[in-house]
Amino acid sequence: MAAGASLPLSLQIADAILLLFFLVISIAAPLIDAQTCLPTRFFPQFLVDLKSWHANEYGDFLMLEKPGFFVGLVWLEIVFQWPLALANIVGIIGRKSWYRTTCLIYGVSTSSGMI
């Protein structure tokens, strides 16, 4: 798309939704999800309490029991998907030509992990 050209409204809405999603992921992955595979001493107590509250309140057995496959998926999220989320934020805000590709890579990784 040429510089200065505006995107159709539907793409602007999709980009806004993706931006919000990636902002949440960029905050939650290192602060909440990483507690699954890293020692809790690396995190402030209020974050440890927040994760424990969520796990107990909603019966999230994956966060409570930490089965091996789940820990592996969290490592995938931290090592691969989190940097992609950060790149996607930069790409969306800067309207980079490559961000749709990195969004696709993120989606394929997430879908594969969910299967």
PDB file of N, CA and C in Angstrom:
ATOM      1  N   MET A   1       0.849  -1.164   0.000  1.00  0.00           N
ATOM      2  CA  MET A   1       0.000   0.000   0.000  1.00  0.00           C
ATOM      3  C   MET A   1       0.899   1.232   0.000  1.00  0.00           C
ATOM      4  N   ALA A   2       0.545   2.215  -0.762  1.00  0.00           N
ATOM      5  CA  ALA A   2       1.356   3.422  -0.893  1.00  0.00           C
ATOM      6  C   ALA A   2       1.379   4.201   0.415  1.00  0.00           C
ATOM      7  N   ALA A   3       2.488   4.910   0.609  1.00  0.00           N
ATOM      8  CA  ALA A   3       2.612   5.712   1.831  1.00  0.00           C
ATOM      9  C   ALA A   3       1.517   6.764   1.856  1.00  0.00           C
ATOM     10  N   GLY A   4       0.913   6.929   2.993  1.00  0.00           N
ATOM     11  CA  GLY A   4      -0.137   7.923   3.163  1.00  0.00           C
ATOM     12  C   GLY A   4      -1.525   7.407   2.808  1.00  0.00           C
ATOM     13  N   ALA A   5      -1.606   6.277   2.119  1.00  0.00           N
ATOM     14  CA  ALA A   5      -2.904   5.714   1.765  1.00  0.00           C
ATOM     15  C   ALA A   5      -3.537   5.116   3.013  1.00  0.00           C
ATOM     16  N   SER A   6      -4.830   5.280   3.133  1.00  0.00           N
ATOM     17  CA  SER A   6      -5.511   4.759   4.315  1.00  0.00           C
ATOM     18  C   SER A   6      -6.071   3.366   4.021  1.00  0.00           C
ATOM     19  N   LEU A   7      -6.190   2.600   5.071  1.00  0.00           N
ATOM     20  CA  LEU A   7      -6.719   1.246   4.967  1.00  0.00           C
ATOM     21  C   LEU A   7      -8.239   1.289   4.993  1.00  0.00           C
ATOM     22  N   PRO A   8      -8.884   0.304   4.375  1.00  0.00           N
ATOM     23  CA  PRO A   8     -10.340   0.195   4.497  1.00  0.00           C
ATOM     24  C   PRO A   8     -10.728   0.011   5.963  1.00  0.00           C
ATOM     25  N   LEU A   9     -11.918   0.428   6.316  1.00  0.00           N
ATOM     26  CA  LEU A   9     -12.387   0.370   7.696  1.00  0.00           C
ATOM     27  C   LEU A   9     -12.325  -1.045   8.261  1.00  0.00           C
ATOM     28  N   SER A  10     -12.671  -2.040   7.465  1.00  0.00           N
ATOM     29  CA  SER A  10     -12.647  -3.417   7.973  1.00  0.00           C
ATOM     30  C   SER A  10     -11.232  -3.833   8.365  1.00  0.00           C
ATOM     31  N   LEU A  11     -10.223  -3.415   7.602  1.00  0.00           N
ATOM     32  CA  LEU A  11      -8.842  -3.735   7.957  1.00  0.00           C
ATOM     33  C   LEU A  11      -8.389  -2.933   9.172  1.00  0.00           C
ATOM     34  N   GLN A  12      -8.854  -1.713   9.302  1.00  0.00           N
ATOM     35  CA  GLN A  12      -8.513  -0.912  10.480  1.00  0.00           C
ATOM     36  C   GLN A  12      -9.067  -1.553  11.745  1.00  0.00           C
ATOM     37  N   ILE A  13     -10.290  -2.064  11.664  1.00  0.00           N
ATOM     38  CA  ILE A  13     -10.906  -2.733  12.816  1.00  0.00           C
ATOM     39  C   ILE A  13     -10.151  -4.020  13.135  1.00  0.00           C
ATOM     40  N   ALA A  14      -9.828  -4.796  12.110  1.00  0.00           N
ATOM     41  CA  ALA A  14      -9.073  -6.037  12.329  1.00  0.00           C
ATOM     42  C   ALA A  14      -7.713  -5.730  12.943  1.00  0.00           C
ATOM     43  N   ASP A  15      -7.036  -4.715  12.450  1.00  0.00           N
ATOM     44  CA  ASP A  15      -5.739  -4.331  13.006  1.00  0.00           C
ATOM     45  C   ASP A  15      -5.866  -3.881  14.454  1.00  0.00           C
ATOM     46  N   ALA A  16      -6.924  -3.149  14.783  1.00  0.00           N
ATOM     47  CA  ALA A  16      -7.136  -2.696  16.165  1.00  0.00           C
ATOM     48  C   ALA A  16      -7.365  -3.889  17.093  1.00  0.00           C
ATOM     49  N   ILE A  17      -8.142  -4.860  16.647  1.00  0.00           N
ATOM     50  CA  ILE A  17      -8.392  -6.051  17.456  1.00  0.00           C
ATOM     51  C   ILE A  17      -7.105  -6.848  17.642  1.00  0.00           C
ATOM     52  N   LEU A  18      -6.346  -7.023  16.563  1.00  0.00           N
ATOM     53  CA  LEU A  18      -5.065  -7.741  16.658  1.00  0.00           C
ATOM     54  C   LEU A  18      -4.090  -7.000  17.575  1.00  0.00           C
ATOM     55  N   LEU A  19      -4.050  -5.683  17.462  1.00  0.00           N
ATOM     56  CA  LEU A  19      -3.161  -4.900  18.315  1.00  0.00           C
ATOM     57  C   LEU A  19      -3.512  -5.103  19.782  1.00  0.00           C
ATOM     58  N   LEU A  20      -4.781  -5.052  20.121  1.00  0.00           N
ATOM     59  CA  LEU A  20      -5.218  -5.275  21.498  1.00  0.00           C
ATOM     60  C   LEU A  20      -4.834  -6.683  21.958  1.00  0.00           C
ATOM     61  N   PHE A  21      -5.068  -7.671  21.120  1.00  0.00           N
ATOM     62  CA  PHE A  21      -4.711  -9.056  21.445  1.00  0.00           C
ATOM     63  C   PHE A  21      -3.218  -9.184  21.718  1.00  0.00           C
ATOM     64  N   PHE A  22      -2.394  -8.658  20.827  1.00  0.00           N
ATOM     65  CA  PHE A  22      -0.949  -8.781  20.994  1.00  0.00           C
ATOM     66  C   PHE A  22      -0.435  -7.976  22.180  1.00  0.00           C
ATOM     67  N   LEU A  23      -1.081  -6.863  22.516  1.00  0.00           N
ATOM     68  CA  LEU A  23      -0.703  -6.123  23.717  1.00  0.00           C
ATOM     69  C   LEU A  23      -0.963  -6.955  24.970  1.00  0.00           C
ATOM     70  N   VAL A  24      -2.112  -7.623  25.020  1.00  0.00           N
ATOM     71  CA  VAL A  24      -2.424  -8.490  26.164  1.00  0.00           C
ATOM     72  C   VAL A  24      -1.416  -9.631  26.261  1.00  0.00           C
ATOM     73  N   ILE A  25      -1.118 -10.269  25.135  1.00  0.00           N
ATOM     74  CA  ILE A  25      -0.151 -11.374  25.115  1.00  0.00           C
ATOM     75  C   ILE A  25       1.226 -10.886  25.540  1.00  0.00           C
ATOM     76  N   SER A  26       1.628  -9.712  25.081  1.00  0.00           N
ATOM     77  CA  SER A  26       2.968  -9.215  25.399  1.00  0.00           C
ATOM     78  C   SER A  26       3.138  -8.919  26.881  1.00  0.00           C
ATOM     79  N   ILE A  27       2.040  -8.693  27.577  1.00  0.00           N
ATOM     80  CA  ILE A  27       2.095  -8.449  29.022  1.00  0.00           C
ATOM     81  C   ILE A  27       1.884  -9.750  29.800  1.00  0.00           C
ATOM     82  N   ALA A  28       0.891 -10.529  29.401  1.00  0.00           N
ATOM     83  CA  ALA A  28       0.524 -11.728  30.159  1.00  0.00           C
ATOM     84  C   ALA A  28       1.551 -12.849  30.044  1.00  0.00           C
ATOM     85  N   ALA A  29       2.145 -13.027  28.884  1.00  0.00           N
ATOM     86  CA  ALA A  29       3.075 -14.155  28.704  1.00  0.00           C
ATOM     87  C   ALA A  29       4.262 -14.099  29.664  1.00  0.00           C
ATOM     88  N   PRO A  30       4.972 -12.985  29.735  1.00  0.00           N
ATOM     89  CA  PRO A  30       6.137 -12.993  30.642  1.00  0.00           C
ATOM     90  C   PRO A  30       5.775 -12.857  32.118  1.00  0.00           C
ATOM     91  N   LEU A  31       4.623 -12.259  32.425  1.00  0.00           N
ATOM     92  CA  LEU A  31       4.285 -12.000  33.825  1.00  0.00           C
ATOM     93  C   LEU A  31       3.437 -13.089  34.467  1.00  0.00           C
ATOM     94  N   ILE A  32       2.565 -13.706  33.705  1.00  0.00           N
ATOM     95  CA  ILE A  32       1.650 -14.707  34.270  1.00  0.00           C
ATOM     96  C   ILE A  32       2.015 -16.119  33.781  1.00  0.00           C
ATOM     97  N   ASP A  33       2.033 -16.300  32.485  1.00  0.00           N
ATOM     98  CA  ASP A  33       2.266 -17.638  31.930  1.00  0.00           C
ATOM     99  C   ASP A  33       3.645 -18.175  32.273  1.00  0.00           C
ATOM    100  N   ALA A  34       4.641 -17.307  32.306  1.00  0.00           N
ATOM    101  CA  ALA A  34       6.016 -17.759  32.581  1.00  0.00           C
ATOM    102  C   ALA A  34       6.151 -18.371  33.969  1.00  0.00           C
ATOM    103  N   GLN A  35       5.225 -18.081  34.873  1.00  0.00           N
ATOM    104  CA  GLN A  35       5.266 -18.673  36.212  1.00  0.00           C
ATOM    105  C   GLN A  35       5.088 -20.188  36.161  1.00  0.00           C
ATOM    106  N   THR A  36       4.545 -20.685  35.066  1.00  0.00           N
ATOM    107  CA  THR A  36       4.340 -22.118  34.912  1.00  0.00           C
ATOM    108  C   THR A  36       5.666 -22.862  34.795  1.00  0.00           C
ATOM    109  N   CYS A  37       6.656 -22.241  34.175  1.00  0.00           N
ATOM    110  CA  CYS A  37       7.906 -22.960  33.922  1.00  0.00           C
ATOM    111  C   CYS A  37       9.134 -22.325  34.568  1.00  0.00           C
ATOM    112  N   LEU A  38       8.986 -21.204  35.204  1.00  0.00           N
ATOM    113  CA  LEU A  38      10.097 -20.564  35.908  1.00  0.00           C
ATOM    114  C   LEU A  38       9.810 -20.528  37.400  1.00  0.00           C
ATOM    115  N   PRO A  39      10.836 -20.495  38.237  1.00  0.00           N
ATOM    116  CA  PRO A  39      10.600 -20.428  39.686  1.00  0.00           C
ATOM    117  C   PRO A  39       9.832 -19.163  40.069  1.00  0.00           C
ATOM    118  N   THR A  40       8.922 -19.294  41.022  1.00  0.00           N
ATOM    119  CA  THR A  40       8.090 -18.154  41.417  1.00  0.00           C
ATOM    120  C   THR A  40       8.890 -17.054  42.097  1.00  0.00           C
ATOM    121  N   ARG A  41      10.091 -17.344  42.544  1.00  0.00           N
ATOM    122  CA  ARG A  41      10.902 -16.304  43.191  1.00  0.00           C
ATOM    123  C   ARG A  41      11.315 -15.211  42.198  1.00  0.00           C
ATOM    124  N   PHE A  42      11.178 -15.477  40.907  1.00  0.00           N
ATOM    125  CA  PHE A  42      11.503 -14.480  39.886  1.00  0.00           C
ATOM    126  C   PHE A  42      10.403 -13.438  39.705  1.00  0.00           C
ATOM    127  N   PHE A  43       9.255 -13.638  40.357  1.00  0.00           N
ATOM    128  CA  PHE A  43       8.089 -12.787  40.129  1.00  0.00           C
ATOM    129  C   PHE A  43       7.672 -12.084  41.410  1.00  0.00           C
ATOM    130  N   PRO A  44       7.119 -10.871  41.300  1.00  0.00           N
ATOM    131  CA  PRO A  44       6.591 -10.204  42.496  1.00  0.00           C
ATOM    132  C   PRO A  44       5.447 -11.025  43.102  1.00  0.00           C
ATOM    133  N   GLN A  45       5.302 -10.934  44.395  1.00  0.00           N
ATOM    134  CA  GLN A  45       4.309 -11.749  45.094  1.00  0.00           C
ATOM    135  C   GLN A  45       2.888 -11.499  44.589  1.00  0.00           C
ATOM    136  N   PHE A  46       2.566 -10.253  44.239  1.00  0.00           N
ATOM    137  CA  PHE A  46       1.194  -9.987  43.784  1.00  0.00           C
ATOM    138  C   PHE A  46       0.887 -10.713  42.476  1.00  0.00           C
ATOM    139  N   LEU A  47       1.890 -10.931  41.616  1.00  0.00           N
ATOM    140  CA  LEU A  47       1.658 -11.697  40.387  1.00  0.00           C
ATOM    141  C   LEU A  47       1.490 -13.183  40.682  1.00  0.00           C
ATOM    142  N   VAL A  48       2.261 -13.695  41.630  1.00  0.00           N
ATOM    143  CA  VAL A  48       2.125 -15.094  42.043  1.00  0.00           C
ATOM    144  C   VAL A  48       0.738 -15.301  42.648  1.00  0.00           C
ATOM    145  N   ASP A  49       0.301 -14.367  43.479  1.00  0.00           N
ATOM    146  CA  ASP A  49      -1.029 -14.453  44.092  1.00  0.00           C
ATOM    147  C   ASP A  49      -2.127 -14.376  43.031  1.00  0.00           C
ATOM    148  N   LEU A  50      -1.946 -13.509  42.039  1.00  0.00           N
ATOM    149  CA  LEU A  50      -2.934 -13.368  40.971  1.00  0.00           C
ATOM    150  C   LEU A  50      -3.083 -14.678  40.196  1.00  0.00           C
ATOM    151  N   LYS A  51      -1.965 -15.299  39.845  1.00  0.00           N
ATOM    152  CA  LYS A  51      -2.016 -16.574  39.124  1.00  0.00           C
ATOM    153  C   LYS A  51      -2.665 -17.658  39.981  1.00  0.00           C
ATOM    154  N   SER A  52      -2.299 -17.713  41.252  1.00  0.00           N
ATOM    155  CA  SER A  52      -2.894 -18.712  42.155  1.00  0.00           C
ATOM    156  C   SER A  52      -4.389 -18.486  42.313  1.00  0.00           C
ATOM    157  N   TRP A  53      -4.789 -17.229  42.446  1.00  0.00           N
ATOM    158  CA  TRP A  53      -6.216 -16.919  42.577  1.00  0.00           C
ATOM    159  C   TRP A  53      -6.961 -17.392  41.337  1.00  0.00           C
ATOM    160  N   HIS A  54      -6.431 -17.057  40.162  1.00  0.00           N
ATOM    161  CA  HIS A  54      -7.089 -17.466  38.917  1.00  0.00           C
ATOM    162  C   HIS A  54      -7.209 -18.992  38.838  1.00  0.00           C
ATOM    163  N   ALA A  55      -6.110 -19.677  39.108  1.00  0.00           N
ATOM    164  CA  ALA A  55      -6.105 -21.141  39.001  1.00  0.00           C
ATOM    165  C   ALA A  55      -7.114 -21.768  39.951  1.00  0.00           C
ATOM    166  N   ASN A  56      -7.193 -21.262  41.177  1.00  0.00           N
ATOM    167  CA  ASN A  56      -8.126 -21.822  42.159  1.00  0.00           C
ATOM    168  C   ASN A  56      -9.561 -21.386  41.905  1.00  0.00           C
ATOM    169  N   GLU A  57      -9.760 -20.132  41.560  1.00  0.00           N
ATOM    170  CA  GLU A  57     -11.112 -19.601  41.347  1.00  0.00           C
ATOM    171  C   GLU A  57     -11.807 -20.271  40.163  1.00  0.00           C
ATOM    172  N   TYR A  58     -11.051 -20.500  39.097  1.00  0.00           N
ATOM    173  CA  TYR A  58     -11.641 -21.040  37.880  1.00  0.00           C
ATOM    174  C   TYR A  58     -11.311 -22.515  37.663  1.00  0.00           C
ATOM    175  N   GLY A  59     -10.662 -23.143  38.627  1.00  0.00           N
ATOM    176  CA  GLY A  59     -10.358 -24.570  38.523  1.00  0.00           C
ATOM    177  C   GLY A  59      -9.454 -24.894  37.347  1.00  0.00           C
ATOM    178  N   ASP A  60      -8.490 -24.028  37.077  1.00  0.00           N
ATOM    179  CA  ASP A  60      -7.575 -24.221  35.949  1.00  0.00           C
ATOM    180  C   ASP A  60      -6.539 -25.277  36.325  1.00  0.00           C
ATOM    181  N   PHE A  61      -6.881 -26.549  36.051  1.00  0.00           N
ATOM    182  CA  PHE A  61      -6.021 -27.646  36.481  1.00  0.00           C
ATOM    183  C   PHE A  61      -4.675 -27.641  35.772  1.00  0.00           C
ATOM    184  N   LEU A  62      -4.601 -27.061  34.562  1.00  0.00           N
ATOM    185  CA  LEU A  62      -3.313 -27.002  33.871  1.00  0.00           C
ATOM    186  C   LEU A  62      -2.326 -26.123  34.637  1.00  0.00           C
ATOM    187  N   MET A  63      -2.806 -25.005  35.158  1.00  0.00           N
ATOM    188  CA  MET A  63      -1.924 -24.131  35.930  1.00  0.00           C
ATOM    189  C   MET A  63      -1.640 -24.697  37.317  1.00  0.00           C
ATOM    190  N   LEU A  64      -2.573 -25.469  37.852  1.00  0.00           N
ATOM    191  CA  LEU A  64      -2.367 -26.047  39.175  1.00  0.00           C
ATOM    192  C   LEU A  64      -1.427 -27.254  39.126  1.00  0.00           C
ATOM    193  N   GLU A  65      -1.657 -28.160  38.181  1.00  0.00           N
ATOM    194  CA  GLU A  65      -0.900 -29.408  38.126  1.00  0.00           C
ATOM    195  C   GLU A  65       0.348 -29.334  37.250  1.00  0.00           C
ATOM    196  N   LYS A  66       0.393 -28.412  36.320  1.00  0.00           N
ATOM    197  CA  LYS A  66       1.535 -28.201  35.419  1.00  0.00           C
ATOM    198  C   LYS A  66       2.007 -29.485  34.738  1.00  0.00           C
ATOM    199  N   PRO A  67       1.135 -30.135  33.958  1.00  0.00           N
ATOM    200  CA  PRO A  67       1.591 -31.328  33.238  1.00  0.00           C
ATOM    201  C   PRO A  67       2.677 -30.959  32.225  1.00  0.00           C
ATOM    202  N   GLY A  68       3.512 -31.931  31.897  1.00  0.00           N
ATOM    203  CA  GLY A  68       4.665 -31.695  31.042  1.00  0.00           C
ATOM    204  C   GLY A  68       4.335 -31.060  29.703  1.00  0.00           C
ATOM    205  N   PHE A  69       3.263 -31.537  29.038  1.00  0.00           N
ATOM    206  CA  PHE A  69       2.925 -30.981  27.733  1.00  0.00           C
ATOM    207  C   PHE A  69       2.561 -29.498  27.848  1.00  0.00           C
ATOM    208  N   PHE A  70       1.916 -29.125  28.950  1.00  0.00           N
ATOM    209  CA  PHE A  70       1.518 -27.731  29.143  1.00  0.00           C
ATOM    210  C   PHE A  70       2.740 -26.851  29.386  1.00  0.00           C
ATOM    211  N   VAL A  71       3.678 -27.340  30.175  1.00  0.00           N
ATOM    212  CA  VAL A  71       4.917 -26.599  30.409  1.00  0.00           C
ATOM    213  C   VAL A  71       5.646 -26.398  29.082  1.00  0.00           C
ATOM    214  N   GLY A  72       5.652 -27.409  28.235  1.00  0.00           N
ATOM    215  CA  GLY A  72       6.267 -27.291  26.912  1.00  0.00           C
ATOM    216  C   GLY A  72       5.587 -26.245  26.053  1.00  0.00           C
ATOM    217  N   LEU A  73       4.255 -26.209  26.106  1.00  0.00           N
ATOM    218  CA  LEU A  73       3.525 -25.192  25.344  1.00  0.00           C
ATOM    219  C   LEU A  73       3.811 -23.785  25.864  1.00  0.00           C
ATOM    220  N   VAL A  74       3.974 -23.653  27.166  1.00  0.00           N
ATOM    221  CA  VAL A  74       4.301 -22.342  27.732  1.00  0.00           C
ATOM    222  C   VAL A  74       5.705 -21.919  27.299  1.00  0.00           C
ATOM    223  N   TRP A  75       6.643 -22.864  27.274  1.00  0.00           N
ATOM    224  CA  TRP A  75       7.983 -22.539  26.768  1.00  0.00           C
ATOM    225  C   TRP A  75       7.910 -22.086  25.317  1.00  0.00           C
ATOM    226  N   LEU A  76       7.101 -22.755  24.502  1.00  0.00           N
ATOM    227  CA  LEU A  76       6.897 -22.351  23.113  1.00  0.00           C
ATOM    228  C   LEU A  76       6.372 -20.920  23.053  1.00  0.00           C
ATOM    229  N   GLU A  77       5.427 -20.617  23.924  1.00  0.00           N
ATOM    230  CA  GLU A  77       4.855 -19.273  23.946  1.00  0.00           C
ATOM    231  C   GLU A  77       5.906 -18.226  24.318  1.00  0.00           C
ATOM    232  N   ILE A  78       6.700 -18.518  25.315  1.00  0.00           N
ATOM    233  CA  ILE A  78       7.682 -17.539  25.790  1.00  0.00           C
ATOM    234  C   ILE A  78       8.838 -17.365  24.797  1.00  0.00           C
ATOM    235  N   VAL A  79       9.343 -18.453  24.258  1.00  0.00           N
ATOM    236  CA  VAL A  79      10.526 -18.389  23.405  1.00  0.00           C
ATOM    237  C   VAL A  79      10.189 -17.983  21.966  1.00  0.00           C
ATOM    238  N   PHE A  80       9.042 -18.403  21.459  1.00  0.00           N
ATOM    239  CA  PHE A  80       8.722 -18.176  20.053  1.00  0.00           C
ATOM    240  C   PHE A  80       7.583 -17.182  19.849  1.00  0.00           C
ATOM    241  N   GLN A  81       6.455 -17.399  20.519  1.00  0.00           N
ATOM    242  CA  GLN A  81       5.277 -16.582  20.256  1.00  0.00           C
ATOM    243  C   GLN A  81       5.351 -15.189  20.877  1.00  0.00           C
ATOM    244  N   TRP A  82       5.961 -15.069  22.045  1.00  0.00           N
ATOM    245  CA  TRP A  82       6.048 -13.757  22.680  1.00  0.00           C
ATOM    246  C   TRP A  82       6.858 -12.778  21.830  1.00  0.00           C
ATOM    247  N   PRO A  83       8.054 -13.170  21.339  1.00  0.00           N
ATOM    248  CA  PRO A  83       8.764 -12.240  20.445  1.00  0.00           C
ATOM    249  C   PRO A  83       7.976 -11.909  19.177  1.00  0.00           C
ATOM    250  N   LEU A  84       7.235 -12.887  18.653  1.00  0.00           N
ATOM    251  CA  LEU A  84       6.391 -12.614  17.491  1.00  0.00           C
ATOM    252  C   LEU A  84       5.296 -11.603  17.832  1.00  0.00           C
ATOM    253  N   ALA A  85       4.727 -11.718  19.020  1.00  0.00           N
ATOM    254  CA  ALA A  85       3.698 -10.764  19.443  1.00  0.00           C
ATOM    255  C   ALA A  85       4.286  -9.351  19.502  1.00  0.00           C
ATOM    256  N   LEU A  86       5.484  -9.224  20.048  1.00  0.00           N
ATOM    257  CA  LEU A  86       6.142  -7.915  20.096  1.00  0.00           C
ATOM    258  C   LEU A  86       6.398  -7.376  18.687  1.00  0.00           C
ATOM    259  N   ALA A  87       6.876  -8.252  17.798  1.00  0.00           N
ATOM    260  CA  ALA A  87       7.112  -7.839  16.409  1.00  0.00           C
ATOM    261  C   ALA A  87       5.810  -7.417  15.738  1.00  0.00           C
ATOM    262  N   ASN A  88       4.733  -8.131  16.033  1.00  0.00           N
ATOM    263  CA  ASN A  88       3.442  -7.789  15.438  1.00  0.00           C
ATOM    264  C   ASN A  88       2.939  -6.435  15.921  1.00  0.00           C
ATOM    265  N   ILE A  89       3.191  -6.112  17.178  1.00  0.00           N
ATOM    266  CA  ILE A  89       2.809  -4.789  17.681  1.00  0.00           C
ATOM    267  C   ILE A  89       3.537  -3.705  16.886  1.00  0.00           C
ATOM    268  N   VAL A  90       4.838  -3.887  16.716  1.00  0.00           N
ATOM    269  CA  VAL A  90       5.626  -2.925  15.934  1.00  0.00           C
ATOM    270  C   VAL A  90       5.109  -2.860  14.499  1.00  0.00           C
ATOM    271  N   GLY A  91       4.830  -4.011  13.916  1.00  0.00           N
ATOM    272  CA  GLY A  91       4.346  -4.061  12.544  1.00  0.00           C
ATOM    273  C   GLY A  91       2.998  -3.396  12.353  1.00  0.00           C
ATOM    274  N   ILE A  92       2.083  -3.598  13.291  1.00  0.00           N
ATOM    275  CA  ILE A  92       0.754  -2.998  13.168  1.00  0.00           C
ATOM    276  C   ILE A  92       0.835  -1.487  13.346  1.00  0.00           C
ATOM    277  N   ILE A  93       1.537  -1.051  14.382  1.00  0.00           N
ATOM    278  CA  ILE A  93       1.640   0.388  14.635  1.00  0.00           C
ATOM    279  C   ILE A  93       2.372   1.090  13.488  1.00  0.00           C
ATOM    280  N   GLY A  94       3.434   0.465  12.996  1.00  0.00           N
ATOM    281  CA  GLY A  94       4.213   1.066  11.920  1.00  0.00           C
ATOM    282  C   GLY A  94       3.704   0.761  10.525  1.00  0.00           C
ATOM    283  N   ARG A  95       2.610   0.015  10.442  1.00  0.00           N
ATOM    284  CA  ARG A  95       2.035  -0.398   9.156  1.00  0.00           C
ATOM    285  C   ARG A  95       3.086  -1.005   8.239  1.00  0.00           C
ATOM    286  N   LYS A  96       3.845  -1.931   8.801  1.00  0.00           N
ATOM    287  CA  LYS A  96       4.900  -2.603   8.048  1.00  0.00           C
ATOM    288  C   LYS A  96       4.292  -3.634   7.100  1.00  0.00           C
ATOM    289  N   SER A  97       4.934  -3.815   5.981  1.00  0.00           N
ATOM    290  CA  SER A  97       4.409  -4.740   4.973  1.00  0.00           C
ATOM    291  C   SER A  97       4.505  -6.193   5.418  1.00  0.00           C
ATOM    292  N   TRP A  98       5.388  -6.504   6.343  1.00  0.00           N
ATOM    293  CA  TRP A  98       5.627  -7.882   6.761  1.00  0.00           C
ATOM    294  C   TRP A  98       4.736  -8.359   7.893  1.00  0.00           C
ATOM    295  N   TYR A  99       3.988  -7.482   8.538  1.00  0.00           N
ATOM    296  CA  TYR A  99       3.283  -7.902   9.750  1.00  0.00           C
ATOM    297  C   TYR A  99       2.177  -8.929   9.492  1.00  0.00           C
ATOM    298  N   ARG A 100       1.588  -8.928   8.334  1.00  0.00           N
ATOM    299  CA  ARG A 100       0.570  -9.954   8.059  1.00  0.00           C
ATOM    300  C   ARG A 100       1.208 -11.346   8.029  1.00  0.00           C
ATOM    301  N   THR A 101       2.437 -11.419   7.549  1.00  0.00           N
ATOM    302  CA  THR A 101       3.155 -12.693   7.531  1.00  0.00           C
ATOM    303  C   THR A 101       3.474 -13.152   8.947  1.00  0.00           C
ATOM    304  N   THR A 102       3.946 -12.236   9.792  1.00  0.00           N
ATOM    305  CA  THR A 102       4.255 -12.626  11.171  1.00  0.00           C
ATOM    306  C   THR A 102       2.989 -12.950  11.954  1.00  0.00           C
ATOM    307  N   CYS A 103       1.887 -12.292  11.632  1.00  0.00           N
ATOM    308  CA  CYS A 103       0.603 -12.663  12.263  1.00  0.00           C
ATOM    309  C   CYS A 103       0.202 -14.076  11.845  1.00  0.00           C
ATOM    310  N   LEU A 104       0.417 -14.408  10.598  1.00  0.00           N
ATOM    311  CA  LEU A 104       0.110 -15.754  10.109  1.00  0.00           C
ATOM    312  C   LEU A 104       0.988 -16.792  10.804  1.00  0.00           C
ATOM    313  N   ILE A 105       2.275 -16.500  10.952  1.00  0.00           N
ATOM    314  CA  ILE A 105       3.185 -17.414  11.644  1.00  0.00           C
ATOM    315  C   ILE A 105       2.714 -17.622  13.081  1.00  0.00           C
ATOM    316  N   TYR A 106       2.332 -16.532  13.757  1.00  0.00           N
ATOM    317  CA  TYR A 106       1.835 -16.624  15.131  1.00  0.00           C
ATOM    318  C   TYR A 106       0.577 -17.500  15.185  1.00  0.00           C
ATOM    319  N   GLY A 107      -0.338 -17.269  14.256  1.00  0.00           N
ATOM    320  CA  GLY A 107      -1.576 -18.039  14.235  1.00  0.00           C
ATOM    321  C   GLY A 107      -1.367 -19.516  13.987  1.00  0.00           C
ATOM    322  N   VAL A 108      -0.452 -19.848  13.086  1.00  0.00           N
ATOM    323  CA  VAL A 108      -0.159 -21.258  12.797  1.00  0.00           C
ATOM    324  C   VAL A 108       0.467 -21.904  14.043  1.00  0.00           C
ATOM    325  N   SER A 109       1.370 -21.197  14.700  1.00  0.00           N
ATOM    326  CA  SER A 109       1.999 -21.746  15.905  1.00  0.00           C
ATOM    327  C   SER A 109       0.960 -21.980  16.997  1.00  0.00           C
ATOM    328  N   THR A 110       0.090 -21.020  17.196  1.00  0.00           N
ATOM    329  CA  THR A 110      -0.957 -21.149  18.232  1.00  0.00           C
ATOM    330  C   THR A 110      -1.912 -22.286  17.885  1.00  0.00           C
ATOM    331  N   SER A 111      -2.338 -22.350  16.636  1.00  0.00           N
ATOM    332  CA  SER A 111      -3.251 -23.421  16.212  1.00  0.00           C
ATOM    333  C   SER A 111      -2.616 -24.794  16.380  1.00  0.00           C
ATOM    334  N   SER A 112      -1.363 -24.916  16.007  1.00  0.00           N
ATOM    335  CA  SER A 112      -0.657 -26.195  16.138  1.00  0.00           C
ATOM    336  C   SER A 112      -0.561 -26.610  17.598  1.00  0.00           C
ATOM    337  N   GLY A 113      -0.284 -25.667  18.472  1.00  0.00           N
ATOM    338  CA  GLY A 113      -0.206 -25.958  19.902  1.00  0.00           C
ATOM    339  C   GLY A 113      -1.546 -26.355  20.486  1.00  0.00           C
ATOM    340  N   MET A 114      -2.611 -25.763  19.988  1.00  0.00           N
ATOM    341  CA  MET A 114      -3.944 -26.068  20.511  1.00  0.00           C
ATOM    342  C   MET A 114      -4.417 -27.453  20.070  1.00  0.00           C
ATOM    343  N   ILE A 115      -3.978 -27.890  18.913  1.00  0.00           N
ATOM    344  CA  ILE A 115      -4.382 -29.200  18.410  1.00  0.00           C
ATOM    345  C   ILE A 115      -3.733 -30.265  19.231  1.00  0.00           C
TER     346      ILE A 115
END
